[in-house]
Amino acid sequence: MENRFIDKELNVKPGSPLHTAAKSDSPVLTTSAKTDEIEITGLRGRWTQLRVNKTVLGYVEGVASAAPAPVPSPSSRVTTAPVQDAPAPT
């Protein structure tokens, strides 16, 4: 049987839909990307169970506040230099 989402080396092909359950009508959680770390953890009938290490950005609908919280940009992060010992007095 051909599996259009897993290749012969048992790698999940990029762009494969990753479902929330082993049902064809279950929602798609995300799609696989070439850089994802994916491990096959089991079989459920015609479905392959996977563990995926992937960063996912999501949103939840809620009541909006008057002023949204600021999101710090990478360039605005505060960095500190390591503390150095003061030179010994002479």
PDB file of N, CA and C in Angstrom:
ATOM      1  N   MET A   1       0.836  -1.178   0.000  1.00  0.00           N
ATOM      2  CA  MET A   1       0.000   0.000   0.000  1.00  0.00           C
ATOM      3  C   MET A   1       0.885   1.246   0.000  1.00  0.00           C
ATOM      4  N   GLU A   2       0.624   2.165  -0.861  1.00  0.00           N
ATOM      5  CA  GLU A   2       1.386   3.399  -0.961  1.00  0.00           C
ATOM      6  C   GLU A   2       0.961   4.370   0.140  1.00  0.00           C
ATOM      7  N   ASN A   3       1.941   5.000   0.764  1.00  0.00           N
ATOM      8  CA  ASN A   3       1.646   6.037   1.744  1.00  0.00           C
ATOM      9  C   ASN A   3       2.145   7.341   1.147  1.00  0.00           C
ATOM     10  N   ARG A   4       1.248   8.211   0.810  1.00  0.00           N
ATOM     11  CA  ARG A   4       1.649   9.446   0.147  1.00  0.00           C
ATOM     12  C   ARG A   4       2.245  10.473   1.091  1.00  0.00           C
ATOM     13  N   PHE A   5       2.212  10.219   2.411  1.00  0.00           N
ATOM     14  CA  PHE A   5       2.735  11.169   3.380  1.00  0.00           C
ATOM     15  C   PHE A   5       4.035  10.717   4.045  1.00  0.00           C
ATOM     16  N   ILE A   6       4.423   9.452   3.881  1.00  0.00           N
ATOM     17  CA  ILE A   6       5.655   8.925   4.469  1.00  0.00           C
ATOM     18  C   ILE A   6       6.455   8.247   3.364  1.00  0.00           C
ATOM     19  N   ASP A   7       7.751   8.588   3.279  1.00  0.00           N
ATOM     20  CA  ASP A   7       8.574   8.012   2.213  1.00  0.00           C
ATOM     21  C   ASP A   7       9.129   6.643   2.615  1.00  0.00           C
ATOM     22  N   LYS A   8       9.916   6.044   1.730  1.00  0.00           N
ATOM     23  CA  LYS A   8      10.455   4.701   1.957  1.00  0.00           C
ATOM     24  C   LYS A   8      11.413   4.637   3.142  1.00  0.00           C
ATOM     25  N   GLU A   9      12.034   5.772   3.494  1.00  0.00           N
ATOM     26  CA  GLU A   9      12.945   5.822   4.638  1.00  0.00           C
ATOM     27  C   GLU A   9      12.199   6.155   5.934  1.00  0.00           C
ATOM     28  N   LEU A  10      10.869   6.141   5.892  1.00  0.00           N
ATOM     29  CA  LEU A  10       9.989   6.422   7.028  1.00  0.00           C
ATOM     30  C   LEU A  10      10.092   7.860   7.522  1.00  0.00           C
ATOM     31  N   ASN A  11      10.339   8.783   6.588  1.00  0.00           N
ATOM     32  CA  ASN A  11      10.327  10.212   6.892  1.00  0.00           C
ATOM     33  C   ASN A  11       8.989  10.786   6.453  1.00  0.00           C
ATOM     34  N   VAL A  12       8.419  11.652   7.285  1.00  0.00           N
ATOM     35  CA  VAL A  12       7.174  12.324   6.914  1.00  0.00           C
ATOM     36  C   VAL A  12       7.509  13.378   5.871  1.00  0.00           C
ATOM     37  N   LYS A  13       6.790  13.352   4.766  1.00  0.00           N
ATOM     38  CA  LYS A  13       7.058  14.280   3.669  1.00  0.00           C
ATOM     39  C   LYS A  13       6.597  15.695   4.043  1.00  0.00           C
ATOM     40  N   PRO A  14       7.395  16.720   3.689  1.00  0.00           N
ATOM     41  CA  PRO A  14       6.993  18.106   3.946  1.00  0.00           C
ATOM     42  C   PRO A  14       5.637  18.406   3.312  1.00  0.00           C
ATOM     43  N   GLY A  15       4.818  19.139   4.046  1.00  0.00           N
ATOM     44  CA  GLY A  15       3.494  19.505   3.556  1.00  0.00           C
ATOM     45  C   GLY A  15       2.413  18.505   3.930  1.00  0.00           C
ATOM     46  N   SER A  16       2.785  17.430   4.624  1.00  0.00           N
ATOM     47  CA  SER A  16       1.800  16.428   5.031  1.00  0.00           C
ATOM     48  C   SER A  16       0.917  16.990   6.135  1.00  0.00           C
ATOM     49  N   PRO A  17      -0.402  16.777   6.049  1.00  0.00           N
ATOM     50  CA  PRO A  17      -1.283  17.263   7.114  1.00  0.00           C
ATOM     51  C   PRO A  17      -1.148  16.390   8.357  1.00  0.00           C
ATOM     52  N   LEU A  18      -0.988  17.006   9.516  1.00  0.00           N
ATOM     53  CA  LEU A  18      -0.885  16.287  10.776  1.00  0.00           C
ATOM     54  C   LEU A  18      -2.192  16.504  11.539  1.00  0.00           C
ATOM     55  N   HIS A  19      -2.973  15.448  11.659  1.00  0.00           N
ATOM     56  CA  HIS A  19      -4.310  15.512  12.262  1.00  0.00           C
ATOM     57  C   HIS A  19      -4.250  15.389  13.776  1.00  0.00           C
ATOM     58  N   THR A  20      -5.310  15.847  14.439  1.00  0.00           N
ATOM     59  CA  THR A  20      -5.406  15.771  15.894  1.00  0.00           C
ATOM     60  C   THR A  20      -5.824  14.389  16.375  1.00  0.00           C
ATOM     61  N   ALA A  21      -6.344  13.556  15.492  1.00  0.00           N
ATOM     62  CA  ALA A  21      -6.780  12.201  15.846  1.00  0.00           C
ATOM     63  C   ALA A  21      -6.648  11.316  14.616  1.00  0.00           C
ATOM     64  N   ALA A  22      -6.740  10.008  14.821  1.00  0.00           N
ATOM     65  CA  ALA A  22      -6.617   9.049  13.721  1.00  0.00           C
ATOM     66  C   ALA A  22      -7.957   8.869  13.026  1.00  0.00           C
ATOM     67  N   LYS A  23      -8.505   9.976  12.505  1.00  0.00           N
ATOM     68  CA  LYS A  23      -9.775   9.969  11.779  1.00  0.00           C
ATOM     69  C   LYS A  23      -9.662  10.944  10.613  1.00  0.00           C
ATOM     70  N   SER A  24     -10.190  10.576   9.481  1.00  0.00           N
ATOM     71  CA  SER A  24     -10.078  11.451   8.307  1.00  0.00           C
ATOM     72  C   SER A  24     -10.845  12.761   8.474  1.00  0.00           C
ATOM     73  N   ASP A  25     -11.854  12.772   9.351  1.00  0.00           N
ATOM     74  CA  ASP A  25     -12.615  14.012   9.547  1.00  0.00           C
ATOM     75  C   ASP A  25     -12.120  14.818  10.755  1.00  0.00           C
ATOM     76  N   SER A  26     -10.977  14.412  11.354  1.00  0.00           N
ATOM     77  CA  SER A  26     -10.426  15.172  12.477  1.00  0.00           C
ATOM     78  C   SER A  26      -9.729  16.429  11.966  1.00  0.00           C
ATOM     79  N   PRO A  27      -9.690  17.469  12.788  1.00  0.00           N
ATOM     80  CA  PRO A  27      -9.036  18.707  12.358  1.00  0.00           C
ATOM     81  C   PRO A  27      -7.546  18.505  12.099  1.00  0.00           C
ATOM     82  N   VAL A  28      -7.017  19.285  11.183  1.00  0.00           N
ATOM     83  CA  VAL A  28      -5.573  19.281  10.904  1.00  0.00           C
ATOM     84  C   VAL A  28      -4.937  20.259  11.886  1.00  0.00           C
ATOM     85  N   LEU A  29      -4.008  19.745  12.682  1.00  0.00           N
ATOM     86  CA  LEU A  29      -3.315  20.562  13.677  1.00  0.00           C
ATOM     87  C   LEU A  29      -2.308  21.490  13.005  1.00  0.00           C
ATOM     88  N   THR A  30      -1.534  20.937  12.087  1.00  0.00           N
ATOM     89  CA  THR A  30      -0.510  21.690  11.356  1.00  0.00           C
ATOM     90  C   THR A  30      -0.085  20.851  10.155  1.00  0.00           C
ATOM     91  N   THR A  31       0.787  21.378   9.354  1.00  0.00           N
ATOM     92  CA  THR A  31       1.381  20.597   8.273  1.00  0.00           C
ATOM     93  C   THR A  31       2.865  20.438   8.562  1.00  0.00           C
ATOM     94  N   SER A  32       3.424  19.352   8.104  1.00  0.00           N
ATOM     95  CA  SER A  32       4.835  19.091   8.374  1.00  0.00           C
ATOM     96  C   SER A  32       5.720  19.981   7.512  1.00  0.00           C
ATOM     97  N   ALA A  33       6.876  20.301   8.061  1.00  0.00           N
ATOM     98  CA  ALA A  33       7.882  21.082   7.342  1.00  0.00           C
ATOM     99  C   ALA A  33       9.170  20.269   7.296  1.00  0.00           C
ATOM    100  N   LYS A  34      10.018  20.585   6.353  1.00  0.00           N
ATOM    101  CA  LYS A  34      11.263  19.841   6.177  1.00  0.00           C
ATOM    102  C   LYS A  34      12.128  19.880   7.431  1.00  0.00           C
ATOM    103  N   THR A  35      12.058  20.966   8.191  1.00  0.00           N
ATOM    104  CA  THR A  35      12.905  21.135   9.369  1.00  0.00           C
ATOM    105  C   THR A  35      12.307  20.540  10.645  1.00  0.00           C
ATOM    106  N   ASP A  36      11.099  20.013  10.604  1.00  0.00           N
ATOM    107  CA  ASP A  36      10.472  19.436  11.798  1.00  0.00           C
ATOM    108  C   ASP A  36      11.190  18.177  12.250  1.00  0.00           C
ATOM    109  N   GLU A  37      11.279  18.003  13.563  1.00  0.00           N
ATOM    110  CA  GLU A  37      11.782  16.763  14.133  1.00  0.00           C
ATOM    111  C   GLU A  37      10.566  15.879  14.400  1.00  0.00           C
ATOM    112  N   ILE A  38      10.443  14.779  13.642  1.00  0.00           N
ATOM    113  CA  ILE A  38       9.271  13.913  13.740  1.00  0.00           C
ATOM    114  C   ILE A  38       9.720  12.489  14.020  1.00  0.00           C
ATOM    115  N   GLU A  39       9.069  11.873  15.009  1.00  0.00           N
ATOM    116  CA  GLU A  39       9.364  10.497  15.380  1.00  0.00           C
ATOM    117  C   GLU A  39       8.089   9.672  15.260  1.00  0.00           C
ATOM    118  N   ILE A  40       8.175   8.530  14.597  1.00  0.00           N
ATOM    119  CA  ILE A  40       7.036   7.613  14.512  1.00  0.00           C
ATOM    120  C   ILE A  40       6.936   6.878  15.846  1.00  0.00           C
ATOM    121  N   THR A  41       5.750   6.943  16.486  1.00  0.00           N
ATOM    122  CA  THR A  41       5.585   6.342  17.809  1.00  0.00           C
ATOM    123  C   THR A  41       4.584   5.196  17.830  1.00  0.00           C
ATOM    124  N   GLY A  42       3.881   4.963  16.740  1.00  0.00           N
ATOM    125  CA  GLY A  42       2.932   3.860  16.738  1.00  0.00           C
ATOM    126  C   GLY A  42       2.079   3.821  15.488  1.00  0.00           C
ATOM    127  N   LEU A  43       1.275   2.785  15.397  1.00  0.00           N
ATOM    128  CA  LEU A  43       0.351   2.620  14.277  1.00  0.00           C
ATOM    129  C   LEU A  43      -1.059   2.464  14.827  1.00  0.00           C
ATOM    130  N   ARG A  44      -2.007   3.086  14.178  1.00  0.00           N
ATOM    131  CA  ARG A  44      -3.427   3.017  14.551  1.00  0.00           C
ATOM    132  C   ARG A  44      -4.213   2.678  13.291  1.00  0.00           C
ATOM    133  N   GLY A  45      -4.320   1.403  12.986  1.00  0.00           N
ATOM    134  CA  GLY A  45      -4.988   1.015  11.735  1.00  0.00           C
ATOM    135  C   GLY A  45      -4.199   1.514  10.553  1.00  0.00           C
ATOM    136  N   ARG A  46      -4.833   2.316   9.688  1.00  0.00           N
ATOM    137  CA  ARG A  46      -4.104   2.874   8.544  1.00  0.00           C
ATOM    138  C   ARG A  46      -3.375   4.162   8.885  1.00  0.00           C
ATOM    139  N   TRP A  47      -3.422   4.584  10.138  1.00  0.00           N
ATOM    140  CA  TRP A  47      -2.811   5.841  10.559  1.00  0.00           C
ATOM    141  C   TRP A  47      -1.477   5.584  11.255  1.00  0.00           C
ATOM    142  N   THR A  48      -0.536   6.503  11.077  1.00  0.00           N
ATOM    143  CA  THR A  48       0.758   6.444  11.744  1.00  0.00           C
ATOM    144  C   THR A  48       0.773   7.521  12.820  1.00  0.00           C
ATOM    145  N   GLN A  49       1.036   7.125  14.046  1.00  0.00           N
ATOM    146  CA  GLN A  49       1.091   8.073  15.160  1.00  0.00           C
ATOM    147  C   GLN A  49       2.486   8.691  15.196  1.00  0.00           C
ATOM    148  N   LEU A  50       2.534  10.014  15.402  1.00  0.00           N
ATOM    149  CA  LEU A  50       3.797  10.747  15.360  1.00  0.00           C
ATOM    150  C   LEU A  50       3.991  11.598  16.597  1.00  0.00           C
ATOM    151  N   ARG A  51       5.241  11.836  16.940  1.00  0.00           N
ATOM    152  CA  ARG A  51       5.602  12.847  17.942  1.00  0.00           C
ATOM    153  C   ARG A  51       6.352  13.914  17.160  1.00  0.00           C
ATOM    154  N   VAL A  52       5.883  15.152  17.256  1.00  0.00           N
ATOM    155  CA  VAL A  52       6.456  16.247  16.470  1.00  0.00           C
ATOM    156  C   VAL A  52       7.023  17.303  17.411  1.00  0.00           C
ATOM    157  N   ASN A  53       8.262  17.689  17.171  1.00  0.00           N
ATOM    158  CA  ASN A  53       8.878  18.792  17.893  1.00  0.00           C
ATOM    159  C   ASN A  53       8.861  19.976  16.939  1.00  0.00           C
ATOM    160  N   LYS A  54       7.935  20.901  17.183  1.00  0.00           N
ATOM    161  CA  LYS A  54       7.727  22.013  16.263  1.00  0.00           C
ATOM    162  C   LYS A  54       7.251  23.225  17.056  1.00  0.00           C
ATOM    163  N   THR A  55       7.752  24.385  16.719  1.00  0.00           N
ATOM    164  CA  THR A  55       7.258  25.614  17.319  1.00  0.00           C
ATOM    165  C   THR A  55       6.015  26.039  16.557  1.00  0.00           C
ATOM    166  N   VAL A  56       4.935  26.237  17.292  1.00  0.00           N
ATOM    167  CA  VAL A  56       3.669  26.615  16.669  1.00  0.00           C
ATOM    168  C   VAL A  56       3.197  27.923  17.290  1.00  0.00           C
ATOM    169  N   LEU A  57       2.832  28.868  16.470  1.00  0.00           N
ATOM    170  CA  LEU A  57       2.276  30.128  16.928  1.00  0.00           C
ATOM    171  C   LEU A  57       0.777  30.039  16.769  1.00  0.00           C
ATOM    172  N   GLY A  58       0.033  30.341  17.811  1.00  0.00           N
ATOM    173  CA  GLY A  58      -1.420  30.246  17.728  1.00  0.00           C
ATOM    174  C   GLY A  58      -2.086  31.426  18.407  1.00  0.00           C
ATOM    175  N   TYR A  59      -3.369  31.523  18.211  1.00  0.00           N
ATOM    176  CA  TYR A  59      -4.174  32.596  18.774  1.00  0.00           C
ATOM    177  C   TYR A  59      -5.432  32.012  19.388  1.00  0.00           C
ATOM    178  N   VAL A  60      -5.955  32.671  20.399  1.00  0.00           N
ATOM    179  CA  VAL A  60      -7.229  32.303  20.987  1.00  0.00           C
ATOM    180  C   VAL A  60      -8.062  33.573  21.050  1.00  0.00           C
ATOM    181  N   GLU A  61      -9.314  33.449  20.694  1.00  0.00           N
ATOM    182  CA  GLU A  61     -10.192  34.615  20.677  1.00  0.00           C
ATOM    183  C   GLU A  61     -10.630  34.940  22.082  1.00  0.00           C
ATOM    184  N   GLY A  62     -10.637  36.199  22.415  1.00  0.00           N
ATOM    185  CA  GLY A  62     -11.053  36.632  23.744  1.00  0.00           C
ATOM    186  C   GLY A  62     -11.444  38.084  23.708  1.00  0.00           C
ATOM    187  N   VAL A  63     -11.757  38.608  24.851  1.00  0.00           N
ATOM    188  CA  VAL A  63     -12.136  40.009  24.951  1.00  0.00           C
ATOM    189  C   VAL A  63     -10.886  40.857  24.798  1.00  0.00           C
ATOM    190  N   ALA A  64     -10.962  41.818  23.887  1.00  0.00           N
ATOM    191  CA  ALA A  64      -9.812  42.693  23.651  1.00  0.00           C
ATOM    192  C   ALA A  64      -9.736  43.746  24.735  1.00  0.00           C
ATOM    193  N   SER A  65      -8.543  44.042  25.196  1.00  0.00           N
ATOM    194  CA  SER A  65      -8.356  45.099  26.183  1.00  0.00           C
ATOM    195  C   SER A  65      -8.224  46.430  25.459  1.00  0.00           C
ATOM    196  N   ALA A  66      -8.281  47.511  26.214  1.00  0.00           N
ATOM    197  CA  ALA A  66      -8.176  48.847  25.626  1.00  0.00           C
ATOM    198  C   ALA A  66      -6.830  49.041  24.950  1.00  0.00           C
ATOM    199  N   ALA A  67      -5.787  48.534  25.572  1.00  0.00           N
ATOM    200  CA  ALA A  67      -4.450  48.661  24.996  1.00  0.00           C
ATOM    201  C   ALA A  67      -3.784  47.294  25.024  1.00  0.00           C
ATOM    202  N   PRO A  68      -3.475  46.743  23.860  1.00  0.00           N
ATOM    203  CA  PRO A  68      -2.826  45.433  23.856  1.00  0.00           C
ATOM    204  C   PRO A  68      -1.448  45.500  24.495  1.00  0.00           C
ATOM    205  N   ALA A  69      -1.072  44.411  25.099  1.00  0.00           N
ATOM    206  CA  ALA A  69       0.252  44.336  25.718  1.00  0.00           C
ATOM    207  C   ALA A  69       1.313  44.402  24.638  1.00  0.00           C
ATOM    208  N   PRO A  70       2.383  45.165  24.879  1.00  0.00           N
ATOM    209  CA  PRO A  70       3.444  45.239  23.865  1.00  0.00           C
ATOM    210  C   PRO A  70       4.186  43.925  23.770  1.00  0.00           C
ATOM    211  N   VAL A  71       4.616  43.623  22.573  1.00  0.00           N
ATOM    212  CA  VAL A  71       5.407  42.419  22.328  1.00  0.00           C
ATOM    213  C   VAL A  71       6.830  42.873  22.077  1.00  0.00           C
ATOM    214  N   PRO A  72       7.761  42.449  22.930  1.00  0.00           N
ATOM    215  CA  PRO A  72       9.138  42.904  22.728  1.00  0.00           C
ATOM    216  C   PRO A  72       9.738  42.334  21.456  1.00  0.00           C
ATOM    217  N   SER A  73      10.461  43.177  20.757  1.00  0.00           N
ATOM    218  CA  SER A  73      11.155  42.711  19.561  1.00  0.00           C
ATOM    219  C   SER A  73      12.512  42.171  19.983  1.00  0.00           C
ATOM    220  N   PRO A  74      13.100  41.286  19.157  1.00  0.00           N
ATOM    221  CA  PRO A  74      14.421  40.751  19.523  1.00  0.00           C
ATOM    222  C   PRO A  74      15.459  41.838  19.759  1.00  0.00           C
ATOM    223  N   SER A  75      15.352  42.965  19.042  1.00  0.00           N
ATOM    224  CA  SER A  75      16.355  44.026  19.199  1.00  0.00           C
ATOM    225  C   SER A  75      16.152  44.829  20.469  1.00  0.00           C
ATOM    226  N   SER A  76      14.978  44.730  21.118  1.00  0.00           N
ATOM    227  CA  SER A  76      14.731  45.508  22.327  1.00  0.00           C
ATOM    228  C   SER A  76      15.024  44.734  23.602  1.00  0.00           C
ATOM    229  N   ARG A  77      15.473  43.506  23.477  1.00  0.00           N
ATOM    230  CA  ARG A  77      15.791  42.714  24.660  1.00  0.00           C
ATOM    231  C   ARG A  77      17.028  43.281  25.348  1.00  0.00           C
ATOM    232  N   VAL A  78      17.005  43.303  26.666  1.00  0.00           N
ATOM    233  CA  VAL A  78      18.126  43.814  27.441  1.00  0.00           C
ATOM    234  C   VAL A  78      19.137  42.689  27.624  1.00  0.00           C
ATOM    235  N   THR A  79      20.362  42.997  27.284  1.00  0.00           N
ATOM    236  CA  THR A  79      21.430  42.017  27.499  1.00  0.00           C
ATOM    237  C   THR A  79      22.432  42.627  28.462  1.00  0.00           C
ATOM    238  N   THR A  80      23.032  41.806  29.257  1.00  0.00           N
ATOM    239  CA  THR A  80      24.024  42.293  30.205  1.00  0.00           C
ATOM    240  C   THR A  80      25.326  41.566  29.977  1.00  0.00           C
ATOM    241  N   ALA A  81      26.402  42.296  30.239  1.00  0.00           N
ATOM    242  CA  ALA A  81      27.732  41.695  30.127  1.00  0.00           C
ATOM    243  C   ALA A  81      28.029  40.969  31.424  1.00  0.00           C
ATOM    244  N   PRO A  82      28.831  39.933  31.367  1.00  0.00           N
ATOM    245  CA  PRO A  82      29.183  39.239  32.605  1.00  0.00           C
ATOM    246  C   PRO A  82      29.936  40.173  33.548  1.00  0.00           C
ATOM    247  N   VAL A  83      29.685  40.009  34.850  1.00  0.00           N
ATOM    248  CA  VAL A  83      30.354  40.837  35.857  1.00  0.00           C
ATOM    249  C   VAL A  83      31.805  40.382  35.969  1.00  0.00           C
ATOM    250  N   GLN A  84      32.711  41.369  35.940  1.00  0.00           N
ATOM    251  CA  GLN A  84      34.121  41.046  36.061  1.00  0.00           C
ATOM    252  C   GLN A  84      34.614  41.513  37.408  1.00  0.00           C
ATOM    253  N   ASP A  85      35.560  40.789  37.961  1.00  0.00           N
ATOM    254  CA  ASP A  85      36.164  41.193  39.224  1.00  0.00           C
ATOM    255  C   ASP A  85      36.938  42.482  39.026  1.00  0.00           C
ATOM    256  N   ALA A  86      36.860  43.336  40.036  1.00  0.00           N
ATOM    257  CA  ALA A  86      37.637  44.594  39.982  1.00  0.00           C
ATOM    258  C   ALA A  86      39.121  44.263  40.169  1.00  0.00           C
ATOM    259  N   PRO A  87      39.987  45.035  39.529  1.00  0.00           N
ATOM    260  CA  PRO A  87      41.420  44.774  39.702  1.00  0.00           C
ATOM    261  C   PRO A  87      41.829  44.987  41.155  1.00  0.00           C
ATOM    262  N   ALA A  88      42.754  44.209  41.608  1.00  0.00           N
ATOM    263  CA  ALA A  88      43.251  44.310  42.979  1.00  0.00           C
ATOM    264  C   ALA A  88      44.009  45.612  43.140  1.00  0.00           C
ATOM    265  N   PRO A  89      43.818  46.282  44.310  1.00  0.00           N
ATOM    266  CA  PRO A  89      44.568  47.543  44.529  1.00  0.00           C
ATOM    267  C   PRO A  89      46.066  47.267  44.607  1.00  0.00           C
ATOM    268  N   THR A  90      46.846  48.226  44.144  1.00  0.00           N
ATOM    269  CA  THR A  90      48.314  48.043  44.167  1.00  0.00           C
ATOM    270  C   THR A  90      48.965  48.888  45.201  1.00  0.00           C
TER     271      THR A  90
END
